[in-house]
Amino acid sequence: MNQNNKEFVMADLFRLLWASKFFICGLAFIFAALMLVKTAFFTAPRYKADGMLYVSNKTAVLAGEVIDQSDIVTSRALGEVYIEVLKSRSFLTSVSEATGGYYNWKDIGSMLSVSSINETELLSVSGVNSNPEDARNIATAILAKAPDKLKNVLTGGYVVVVDPVAEEATPLGNGTVKNTAVGFLFGAFLAFIVVFLRNYFDKTVHRGEDVAKRYDISILGSVSQ
């Protein structure tokens, strides 16, 4: 396809979108409104409770002991392993039992978030739930059971709770703005697909230029109805 044809295609696309702007915007706002209502009235707000763990490849770090680069790299590698251990079924089952068994291990896993902080030996552990007390209890149980579990899995390591769970969970909201924006974009995209398909399968000749481009011929003139 030459440059002129590309320009024609882009021009036709923009013309098509402009001609259907009210349909596209209307459908986008409809989906945005639906997501807004769903989130605002039918989605419970979430709360987050978090703490912090420190992991090291050494059993303990003595005062004045120099930690070389290899120790840091090894500790970071252990941190990645520890994250997977904390997501294991056996560990999550123990957390479920410690919190009264109201949530099963799969539920706990969906509420749990474990990540390395800036690729250091520090691990951030979070529990997210629609109930602030449940979020705090889950995060507290995870931090309480994590050191023993990790030491049993990997010998020679050192795990300690650096930052315990706060007394109150942090409110995260229910994502009203984000969900509304997603609904708007989805509605606009769906409208674009509808407009594109409708135009693609429309074989009606609307303008003389359409005949010229379709059959690669020149139009000398046209007779209006």
Protein backbone atom coordinates (compact mmCIF):
# COMPACT_ATOMS: atom_id res chain seq x y z
CA MET A 1 0.00 0.00 0.00
CA ASN A 2 1.53 3.35 -1.04
CA GLN A 3 1.61 6.52 1.04
CA ASN A 4 -1.43 8.02 -0.69
CA ASN A 5 -3.52 4.95 0.06
CA LYS A 6 -2.44 5.09 3.71
CA GLU A 7 -3.48 8.72 3.87
CA PHE A 8 -6.85 7.82 2.34
CA VAL A 9 -7.34 5.03 4.90
CA MET A 10 -6.49 7.30 7.85
CA ALA A 11 -8.71 10.05 6.47
CA ASP A 12 -11.59 7.62 6.07
CA LEU A 13 -11.06 6.31 9.59
CA PHE A 14 -11.13 9.78 11.13
CA ARG A 15 -14.15 10.68 9.02
CA LEU A 16 -15.93 7.55 10.19
CA LEU A 17 -15.13 8.23 13.84
CA TRP A 18 -16.19 11.86 13.57
CA ALA A 19 -19.46 10.90 11.92
CA SER A 20 -20.15 8.43 14.75
CA LYS A 21 -18.90 10.63 17.59
CA PHE A 22 -22.28 10.89 19.31
CA PHE A 23 -22.78 7.13 19.25
CA ILE A 24 -19.26 6.46 20.55
CA CYS A 25 -19.49 9.07 23.30
CA GLY A 26 -23.00 7.98 24.24
CA LEU A 27 -22.08 4.32 24.64
CA ALA A 28 -18.92 5.28 26.55
CA PHE A 29 -20.91 7.39 29.02
CA ILE A 30 -23.53 4.66 29.42
CA PHE A 31 -20.90 2.09 30.41
CA ALA A 32 -19.18 4.63 32.65
CA ALA A 33 -22.48 5.33 34.40
CA LEU A 34 -23.18 1.62 34.85
CA MET A 35 -19.75 1.05 36.39
CA LEU A 36 -20.19 4.11 38.60
CA VAL A 37 -23.51 2.84 39.95
CA LYS A 38 -22.19 -0.70 40.40
CA THR A 39 -19.09 0.46 42.26
CA ALA A 40 -20.72 3.17 44.35
CA PHE A 41 -23.74 1.17 45.51
CA PHE A 42 -22.84 -2.51 45.15
CA THR A 43 -19.08 -2.71 45.82
CA ALA A 44 -17.87 -2.67 49.39
CA PRO A 45 -14.83 -0.55 50.25
CA ARG A 46 -11.58 -2.39 50.94
CA TYR A 47 -9.06 -2.03 53.73
CA LYS A 48 -5.37 -2.84 53.82
CA ALA A 49 -3.25 -3.93 56.77
CA ASP A 50 0.46 -4.45 56.21
CA GLY A 51 3.74 -5.20 57.90
CA MET A 52 7.35 -5.81 56.98
CA LEU A 53 9.80 -8.73 57.21
CA TYR A 54 13.58 -8.78 56.94
CA VAL A 55 15.22 -11.88 55.46
CA SER A 56 18.91 -12.77 55.38
CA ASN A 57 20.97 -15.76 54.32
CA LYS A 58 22.80 -15.67 57.67
CA THR A 59 21.45 -16.94 60.94
CA ALA A 60 22.26 -13.61 62.54
CA VAL A 61 24.21 -10.50 61.71
CA LEU A 62 26.80 -9.66 64.34
CA ALA A 63 27.50 -6.08 65.36
CA GLY A 64 30.29 -4.65 63.26
CA GLU A 65 30.20 -7.55 60.78
CA VAL A 66 30.73 -6.52 57.18
CA ILE A 67 28.04 -7.68 54.74
CA ASP A 68 29.47 -8.17 51.28
CA GLN A 69 27.73 -8.08 47.92
CA SER A 70 27.36 -11.85 47.73
CA ASP A 71 25.42 -11.86 51.02
CA ILE A 72 23.03 -9.23 49.67
CA VAL A 73 22.48 -11.14 46.41
CA THR A 74 21.90 -14.39 48.29
CA SER A 75 19.46 -12.72 50.67
CA ARG A 76 17.51 -11.25 47.76
CA ALA A 77 17.36 -14.66 46.09
CA LEU A 78 16.08 -16.14 49.33
CA GLY A 79 13.50 -13.38 49.46
CA GLU A 80 12.03 -14.52 46.16
CA VAL A 81 11.84 -18.08 47.49
CA TYR A 82 10.27 -16.85 50.73
CA ILE A 83 7.56 -15.03 48.76
CA GLU A 84 6.56 -18.28 47.07
CA VAL A 85 6.63 -20.13 50.40
CA LEU A 86 4.27 -17.56 51.92
CA LYS A 87 1.87 -18.18 49.03
CA SER A 88 1.92 -21.95 49.48
CA ARG A 89 -1.21 -23.88 50.41
CA SER A 90 0.22 -25.28 53.63
CA PHE A 91 1.16 -21.85 54.95
CA LEU A 92 -2.12 -20.25 53.92
CA THR A 93 -3.99 -23.12 55.57
CA SER A 94 -2.18 -22.42 58.85
CA VAL A 95 -3.10 -18.75 58.56
CA SER A 96 -6.73 -19.73 57.94
CA GLU A 97 -6.73 -21.86 61.08
CA ALA A 98 -5.11 -19.08 63.10
CA THR A 99 -7.84 -16.63 62.08
CA GLY A 100 -10.70 -18.95 63.02
CA GLY A 101 -11.16 -20.74 59.71
CA TYR A 102 -13.76 -18.25 58.44
CA TYR A 103 -11.73 -17.88 55.24
CA ASN A 104 -10.19 -20.92 53.52
CA TRP A 105 -6.65 -20.97 52.20
CA LYS A 106 -7.73 -19.85 48.72
CA ASP A 107 -9.55 -16.87 50.19
CA ILE A 108 -6.48 -15.96 52.23
CA GLY A 109 -4.32 -16.24 49.12
CA SER A 110 -6.53 -13.80 47.22
CA MET A 111 -6.22 -11.30 50.08
CA LEU A 112 -2.47 -11.72 50.53
CA SER A 113 0.14 -9.58 48.81
CA VAL A 114 3.86 -10.20 49.33
CA SER A 115 6.55 -8.25 47.49
CA SER A 116 10.18 -7.23 47.79
CA ILE A 117 10.73 -3.58 48.70
CA ASN A 118 12.94 -1.95 46.06
CA GLU A 119 14.71 -5.28 45.42
CA THR A 120 16.11 -5.32 48.96
CA GLU A 121 15.98 -7.99 51.67
CA LEU A 122 12.82 -6.38 53.04
CA LEU A 123 9.48 -8.00 52.26
CA SER A 124 6.19 -6.13 52.41
CA VAL A 125 3.29 -8.32 53.58
CA SER A 126 -0.28 -7.05 53.17
CA GLY A 127 -3.77 -8.33 53.84
CA VAL A 128 -6.70 -6.73 51.99
CA ASN A 129 -10.34 -7.26 52.95
CA SER A 130 -13.66 -5.45 52.95
CA ASN A 131 -13.66 -5.80 56.74
CA PRO A 132 -10.86 -3.77 58.39
CA GLU A 133 -10.65 -6.09 61.39
CA ASP A 134 -10.36 -9.16 59.17
CA ALA A 135 -7.65 -7.46 57.10
CA ARG A 136 -5.69 -6.72 60.26
CA ASN A 137 -6.15 -10.22 61.71
CA ILE A 138 -4.99 -11.86 58.48
CA ALA A 139 -1.90 -9.66 58.18
CA THR A 140 -1.07 -10.21 61.86
CA ALA A 141 -1.39 -14.00 61.54
CA ILE A 142 0.84 -14.00 58.45
CA LEU A 143 3.59 -12.03 60.18
CA ALA A 144 3.32 -14.21 63.30
CA LYS A 145 3.64 -17.50 61.42
CA ALA A 146 6.03 -16.44 58.65
CA PRO A 147 9.36 -16.65 60.54
CA ASP A 148 8.86 -20.23 61.81
CA LYS A 149 7.53 -21.41 58.44
CA LEU A 150 10.42 -19.90 56.51
CA LYS A 151 13.04 -21.23 58.91
CA ASN A 152 11.57 -24.73 58.64
CA VAL A 153 11.68 -24.63 54.85
CA LEU A 154 15.14 -23.11 54.44
CA THR A 155 17.78 -23.71 57.10
CA GLY A 156 20.51 -21.19 57.68
CA GLY A 157 18.31 -18.18 57.03
CA TYR A 158 17.29 -15.33 59.30
CA VAL A 159 13.79 -13.85 59.35
CA VAL A 160 12.53 -11.13 61.66
CA VAL A 161 9.47 -8.87 61.80
CA VAL A 162 10.68 -5.32 61.21
CA ASP A 163 7.36 -3.50 61.12
CA PRO A 164 4.32 -5.05 62.85
CA VAL A 165 0.75 -4.50 61.70
CA ALA A 166 -0.74 -1.14 62.68
CA GLU A 167 -3.70 -0.91 65.03
CA GLU A 168 -6.00 0.34 62.27
CA ALA A 169 -6.23 -0.84 58.67
CA THR A 170 -5.79 1.70 55.88
CA PRO A 171 -8.93 2.36 53.80
CA LEU A 172 -8.43 1.79 50.07
CA GLY A 173 -11.89 2.84 48.92
CA ASN A 174 -13.88 0.86 46.39
CA GLY A 175 -12.15 2.05 43.22
CA THR A 176 -15.00 4.27 41.99
CA VAL A 177 -12.83 6.54 39.84
CA LYS A 178 -10.79 3.70 38.37
CA ASN A 179 -13.80 1.52 37.57
CA THR A 180 -15.69 4.43 36.04
CA ALA A 181 -12.73 5.22 33.79
CA VAL A 182 -12.46 1.56 32.78
CA GLY A 183 -16.17 1.51 31.97
CA PHE A 184 -15.82 4.64 29.83
CA LEU A 185 -12.87 3.22 27.87
CA PHE A 186 -14.59 -0.12 27.40
CA GLY A 187 -17.76 1.55 26.14
CA ALA A 188 -15.77 3.70 23.70
CA PHE A 189 -13.84 0.68 22.45
CA LEU A 190 -17.03 -1.36 22.02
CA ALA A 191 -18.67 1.49 20.12
CA PHE A 192 -15.62 1.77 17.86
CA ILE A 193 -15.80 -1.95 17.06
CA VAL A 194 -19.52 -1.68 16.26
CA VAL A 195 -18.95 1.33 13.99
CA PHE A 196 -16.00 -0.32 12.26
CA LEU A 197 -17.84 -3.60 11.61
CA ARG A 198 -20.97 -1.82 10.45
CA ASN A 199 -18.94 0.22 7.98
CA TYR A 200 -16.85 -2.78 6.91
CA PHE A 201 -19.88 -4.85 5.92
CA ASP A 202 -21.75 -1.91 4.42
CA LYS A 203 -21.48 -2.27 0.63
CA THR A 204 -23.71 0.71 -0.10
CA VAL A 205 -22.11 3.45 -2.20
CA HIS A 206 -22.58 6.73 -0.37
CA ARG A 207 -20.26 8.99 -2.35
CA GLY A 208 -18.59 9.10 -5.71
CA GLU A 209 -15.24 8.91 -4.01
CA ASP A 210 -16.19 5.49 -2.68
CA VAL A 211 -16.54 4.15 -6.24
CA ALA A 212 -13.26 5.72 -7.31
CA LYS A 213 -11.33 4.13 -4.44
CA ARG A 214 -13.06 0.75 -4.62
CA TYR A 215 -12.57 0.20 -8.35
CA ASP A 216 -9.50 2.42 -8.85
CA ILE A 217 -11.17 4.54 -11.52
CA SER A 218 -11.64 8.23 -12.07
CA ILE A 219 -15.00 9.94 -11.65
CA LEU A 220 -15.71 12.62 -14.21
CA GLY A 221 -18.99 13.74 -12.68
CA SER A 222 -22.09 12.69 -10.81
CA VAL A 223 -25.79 13.24 -11.15
CA SER A 224 -27.68 14.07 -7.97
CA GLN A 225 -31.11 12.65 -7.36
